[in-house]
Amino acid sequence: MELIPIKKEITENEAFSGDPSCQEIGEMTVDYYKKIGFVPPWIGYFAKQNGNFVGSAAFKGQPVNGVVEIAYITFEPYRNQGVGAAICKKLVELSLETDPSVKITARTLPENNFSTRILKKNNFSFIGAVDDPDDGPVWEWVFKLQ
């Protein structure tokens, strides 16, 4: 699996602009850069495996006070195949390679679901419920290096 960067401008993203599963996420990511900035490698990515785009991955901005939040999604045809766990792992690896001192966090819906299982598989620990300004009540997780 490889992570393909979503570039700053929509016109620079021809590698996946023709793929219907990527188009909306690509446009949303480029718009999000206008709010949070474009600071590689703390950007959005598409995950590609065996020649297919299988999901999306992102840092929700550059680290602030030594903390970065990750997010990911697996496209429908590739769910329940370990793709989400692999995408999460790639984001963690990229963060650790870039700056091992950064604390890696993630947020999920406040319930046990696929995302919570993916995080547990990738050595994240539940640290508590928080109120996210964009998403409302969520569970927060932190990566623990083993």
C-alpha atoms as a PDB file:
ATOM      1  CA  MET A   1       0.000   0.000   0.000  1.00  0.00           C
ATOM      2  CA  GLU A   2       1.170   3.507  -0.768  1.00  0.00           C
ATOM      3  CA  LEU A   3      -0.110   6.919   0.217  1.00  0.00           C
ATOM      4  CA  ILE A   4      -0.522   9.335  -2.711  1.00  0.00           C
ATOM      5  CA  PRO A   5      -0.451  12.997  -1.574  1.00  0.00           C
ATOM      6  CA  ILE A   6      -3.440  15.205  -2.324  1.00  0.00           C
ATOM      7  CA  LYS A   7      -1.815  18.356  -3.633  1.00  0.00           C
ATOM      8  CA  LYS A   8      -2.698  21.931  -2.736  1.00  0.00           C
ATOM      9  CA  GLU A   9      -4.641  22.846  -5.883  1.00  0.00           C
ATOM     10  CA  ILE A  10      -7.392  20.746  -7.480  1.00  0.00           C
ATOM     11  CA  THR A  11      -5.736  21.159 -10.901  1.00  0.00           C
ATOM     12  CA  GLU A  12      -2.573  19.453  -9.571  1.00  0.00           C
ATOM     13  CA  ASN A  13      -4.451  16.274  -8.657  1.00  0.00           C
ATOM     14  CA  GLU A  14      -4.965  14.708 -12.075  1.00  0.00           C
ATOM     15  CA  ALA A  15      -3.657  11.329 -10.837  1.00  0.00           C
ATOM     16  CA  PHE A  16      -7.028  10.605  -9.204  1.00  0.00           C
ATOM     17  CA  SER A  17      -9.370  13.370 -10.351  1.00  0.00           C
ATOM     18  CA  GLY A  18     -10.997  10.990 -12.844  1.00  0.00           C
ATOM     19  CA  ASP A  19     -11.706   8.345 -10.197  1.00  0.00           C
ATOM     20  CA  PRO A  20     -15.288   8.850  -8.906  1.00  0.00           C
ATOM     21  CA  SER A  21     -14.426   7.419  -5.469  1.00  0.00           C
ATOM     22  CA  CYS A  22     -11.725  10.075  -5.054  1.00  0.00           C
ATOM     23  CA  GLN A  23     -13.291  13.167  -6.577  1.00  0.00           C
ATOM     24  CA  GLU A  24     -15.414  14.401  -3.652  1.00  0.00           C
ATOM     25  CA  ILE A  25     -12.771  13.674  -1.010  1.00  0.00           C
ATOM     26  CA  GLY A  26     -10.120  15.348  -3.166  1.00  0.00           C
ATOM     27  CA  GLU A  27     -12.207  18.509  -3.499  1.00  0.00           C
ATOM     28  CA  MET A  28     -13.055  18.555   0.216  1.00  0.00           C
ATOM     29  CA  THR A  29      -9.376  18.104   1.114  1.00  0.00           C
ATOM     30  CA  VAL A  30      -8.253  20.965  -1.128  1.00  0.00           C
ATOM     31  CA  ASP A  31     -10.928  23.178   0.470  1.00  0.00           C
ATOM     32  CA  TYR A  32      -9.795  22.069   3.945  1.00  0.00           C
ATOM     33  CA  TYR A  33      -6.236  23.164   3.122  1.00  0.00           C
ATOM     34  CA  LYS A  34      -7.598  26.712   2.777  1.00  0.00           C
ATOM     35  CA  LYS A  35      -8.598  26.568   6.473  1.00  0.00           C
ATOM     36  CA  ILE A  36      -5.660  24.708   7.991  1.00  0.00           C
ATOM     37  CA  GLY A  37      -2.828  25.321   5.533  1.00  0.00           C
ATOM     38  CA  PHE A  38      -0.855  22.998   3.294  1.00  0.00           C
ATOM     39  CA  VAL A  39       2.203  21.743   5.193  1.00  0.00           C
ATOM     40  CA  PRO A  40       3.533  18.414   3.846  1.00  0.00           C
ATOM     41  CA  PRO A  41       3.652  15.742   5.096  1.00  0.00           C
ATOM     42  CA  TRP A  42       0.801  16.850   7.400  1.00  0.00           C
ATOM     43  CA  ILE A  43      -1.738  16.701   4.551  1.00  0.00           C
ATOM     44  CA  GLY A  44      -4.341  14.395   2.979  1.00  0.00           C
ATOM     45  CA  TYR A  45      -3.608  11.279   0.932  1.00  0.00           C
ATOM     46  CA  PHE A  46      -5.298   8.614  -1.119  1.00  0.00           C
ATOM     47  CA  ALA A  47      -4.359   5.031  -0.346  1.00  0.00           C
ATOM     48  CA  LYS A  48      -3.526   2.886  -3.352  1.00  0.00           C
ATOM     49  CA  GLN A  49      -3.159  -0.881  -3.283  1.00  0.00           C
ATOM     50  CA  ASN A  50      -2.697  -3.242  -6.216  1.00  0.00           C
ATOM     51  CA  GLY A  51      -3.349  -0.379  -8.645  1.00  0.00           C
ATOM     52  CA  ASN A  52      -6.652   0.625  -7.027  1.00  0.00           C
ATOM     53  CA  PHE A  53      -7.567   3.563  -4.838  1.00  0.00           C
ATOM     54  CA  VAL A  54      -8.853   1.831  -1.695  1.00  0.00           C
ATOM     55  CA  GLY A  55      -9.316   4.691   0.745  1.00  0.00           C
ATOM     56  CA  SER A  56      -8.238   8.053   2.048  1.00  0.00           C
ATOM     57  CA  ALA A  57      -5.925   9.114   4.861  1.00  0.00           C
ATOM     58  CA  ALA A  58      -5.144  12.459   6.427  1.00  0.00           C
ATOM     59  CA  PHE A  59      -3.505  14.413   9.146  1.00  0.00           C
ATOM     60  CA  LYS A  60      -6.010  16.995  10.324  1.00  0.00           C
ATOM     61  CA  GLY A  61      -3.370  19.709  10.002  1.00  0.00           C
ATOM     62  CA  GLN A  62       0.197  20.038  11.151  1.00  0.00           C
ATOM     63  CA  PRO A  63       1.053  19.216  14.771  1.00  0.00           C
ATOM     64  CA  VAL A  64      -0.077  21.789  17.321  1.00  0.00           C
ATOM     65  CA  ASN A  65       1.650  21.763  20.706  1.00  0.00           C
ATOM     66  CA  GLY A  66       3.312  18.483  19.705  1.00  0.00           C
ATOM     67  CA  VAL A  67       0.012  16.706  18.865  1.00  0.00           C
ATOM     68  CA  VAL A  68      -1.392  15.612  15.493  1.00  0.00           C
ATOM     69  CA  GLU A  69      -4.748  13.983  14.719  1.00  0.00           C
ATOM     70  CA  ILE A  70      -5.194  11.356  12.016  1.00  0.00           C
ATOM     71  CA  ALA A  71      -8.287  10.372  10.035  1.00  0.00           C
ATOM     72  CA  TYR A  72      -8.920   7.659   7.459  1.00  0.00           C
ATOM     73  CA  ILE A  73     -11.654   6.008   5.442  1.00  0.00           C
ATOM     74  CA  THR A  74     -11.849   2.778   3.482  1.00  0.00           C
ATOM     75  CA  PHE A  75     -13.846   2.852   0.255  1.00  0.00           C
ATOM     76  CA  GLU A  76     -16.886   0.543   0.297  1.00  0.00           C
ATOM     77  CA  PRO A  77     -15.603  -2.270  -1.986  1.00  0.00           C
ATOM     78  CA  TYR A  78     -12.487  -2.704   0.186  1.00  0.00           C
ATOM     79  CA  ARG A  79     -14.019  -2.779   3.672  1.00  0.00           C
ATOM     80  CA  ASN A  80     -13.533  -5.787   5.975  1.00  0.00           C
ATOM     81  CA  GLN A  81     -10.261  -6.694   4.234  1.00  0.00           C
ATOM     82  CA  GLY A  82      -7.725  -5.075   6.576  1.00  0.00           C
ATOM     83  CA  VAL A  83      -7.397  -1.978   4.382  1.00  0.00           C
ATOM     84  CA  GLY A  84      -8.392   0.489   7.131  1.00  0.00           C
ATOM     85  CA  ALA A  85      -5.828  -0.960   9.530  1.00  0.00           C
ATOM     86  CA  ALA A  86      -3.145  -0.722   6.824  1.00  0.00           C
ATOM     87  CA  ILE A  87      -4.052   2.917   6.054  1.00  0.00           C
ATOM     88  CA  CYS A  88      -3.904   3.796   9.755  1.00  0.00           C
ATOM     89  CA  LYS A  89      -0.519   2.060  10.054  1.00  0.00           C
ATOM     90  CA  LYS A  90       0.873   4.045   7.095  1.00  0.00           C
ATOM     91  CA  LEU A  91      -0.196   7.346   8.700  1.00  0.00           C
ATOM     92  CA  VAL A  92       1.448   6.358  11.999  1.00  0.00           C
ATOM     93  CA  GLU A  93       4.649   5.345  10.201  1.00  0.00           C
ATOM     94  CA  LEU A  94       4.745   8.623   8.266  1.00  0.00           C
ATOM     95  CA  SER A  95       4.273  10.642  11.447  1.00  0.00           C
ATOM     96  CA  LEU A  96       6.974   8.698  13.312  1.00  0.00           C
ATOM     97  CA  GLU A  97       9.415   9.020  10.390  1.00  0.00           C
ATOM     98  CA  THR A  98       8.768  12.769  10.187  1.00  0.00           C
ATOM     99  CA  ASP A  99       8.923  13.566  13.903  1.00  0.00           C
ATOM    100  CA  PRO A 100       8.921  10.756  16.475  1.00  0.00           C
ATOM    101  CA  SER A 101       8.239  13.239  19.286  1.00  0.00           C
ATOM    102  CA  VAL A 102       4.757  14.085  17.952  1.00  0.00           C
ATOM    103  CA  LYS A 103       1.850  12.553  19.896  1.00  0.00           C
ATOM    104  CA  ILE A 104      -0.524  10.863  17.404  1.00  0.00           C
ATOM    105  CA  THR A 105      -4.234  10.973  18.205  1.00  0.00           C
ATOM    106  CA  ALA A 106      -7.499   9.959  16.543  1.00  0.00           C
ATOM    107  CA  ARG A 107     -11.172  10.513  17.260  1.00  0.00           C
ATOM    108  CA  THR A 108     -14.114   8.189  16.654  1.00  0.00           C
ATOM    109  CA  LEU A 109     -17.829   8.112  17.189  1.00  0.00           C
ATOM    110  CA  PRO A 110     -18.514   7.367  20.877  1.00  0.00           C
ATOM    111  CA  GLU A 111     -19.180   3.656  20.323  1.00  0.00           C
ATOM    112  CA  ASN A 112     -17.313   0.447  19.590  1.00  0.00           C
ATOM    113  CA  ASN A 113     -17.133   0.117  15.811  1.00  0.00           C
ATOM    114  CA  PHE A 114     -14.744  -0.658  12.941  1.00  0.00           C
ATOM    115  CA  SER A 115     -12.690   2.483  13.605  1.00  0.00           C
ATOM    116  CA  THR A 116     -12.148   1.625  17.255  1.00  0.00           C
ATOM    117  CA  ARG A 117     -11.016  -1.897  16.279  1.00  0.00           C
ATOM    118  CA  ILE A 118      -8.641  -0.454  13.673  1.00  0.00           C
ATOM    119  CA  LEU A 119      -7.122   1.885  16.250  1.00  0.00           C
ATOM    120  CA  LYS A 120      -6.705  -0.912  18.805  1.00  0.00           C
ATOM    121  CA  LYS A 121      -4.945  -3.055  16.151  1.00  0.00           C
ATOM    122  CA  ASN A 122      -2.545  -0.158  15.613  1.00  0.00           C
ATOM    123  CA  ASN A 123      -1.613   0.312  19.303  1.00  0.00           C
ATOM    124  CA  PHE A 124      -3.942   3.207  20.065  1.00  0.00           C
ATOM    125  CA  SER A 125      -5.431   3.454  23.543  1.00  0.00           C
ATOM    126  CA  PHE A 126      -8.733   5.055  24.483  1.00  0.00           C
ATOM    127  CA  ILE A 127      -8.108   8.147  26.623  1.00  0.00           C
ATOM    128  CA  GLY A 128     -11.627   9.489  27.083  1.00  0.00           C
ATOM    129  CA  ALA A 129     -14.672  11.242  25.707  1.00  0.00           C
ATOM    130  CA  VAL A 130     -14.305  14.815  24.435  1.00  0.00           C
ATOM    131  CA  ASP A 131     -16.519  17.387  22.754  1.00  0.00           C
ATOM    132  CA  ASP A 132     -15.091  18.101  19.294  1.00  0.00           C
ATOM    133  CA  PRO A 133     -16.006  21.569  17.960  1.00  0.00           C
ATOM    134  CA  ASP A 134     -16.769  20.093  14.504  1.00  0.00           C
ATOM    135  CA  ASP A 135     -18.066  16.613  15.355  1.00  0.00           C
ATOM    136  CA  GLY A 136     -19.645  16.923  18.790  1.00  0.00           C
ATOM    137  CA  PRO A 137     -19.173  14.144  21.373  1.00  0.00           C
ATOM    138  CA  VAL A 138     -16.386  11.753  20.311  1.00  0.00           C
ATOM    139  CA  TRP A 139     -13.909   9.308  21.807  1.00  0.00           C
ATOM    140  CA  GLU A 140     -10.246  10.280  21.752  1.00  0.00           C
ATOM    141  CA  TRP A 141      -7.422   7.793  21.211  1.00  0.00           C
ATOM    142  CA  VAL A 142      -3.640   8.092  21.461  1.00  0.00           C
ATOM    143  CA  PHE A 143      -0.927   6.002  19.801  1.00  0.00           C
ATOM    144  CA  LYS A 144       1.371   4.138  22.192  1.00  0.00           C
ATOM    145  CA  LEU A 145       4.783   3.186  20.816  1.00  0.00           C
ATOM    146  CA  GLN A 146       5.604  -0.389  21.790  1.00  0.00           C
END
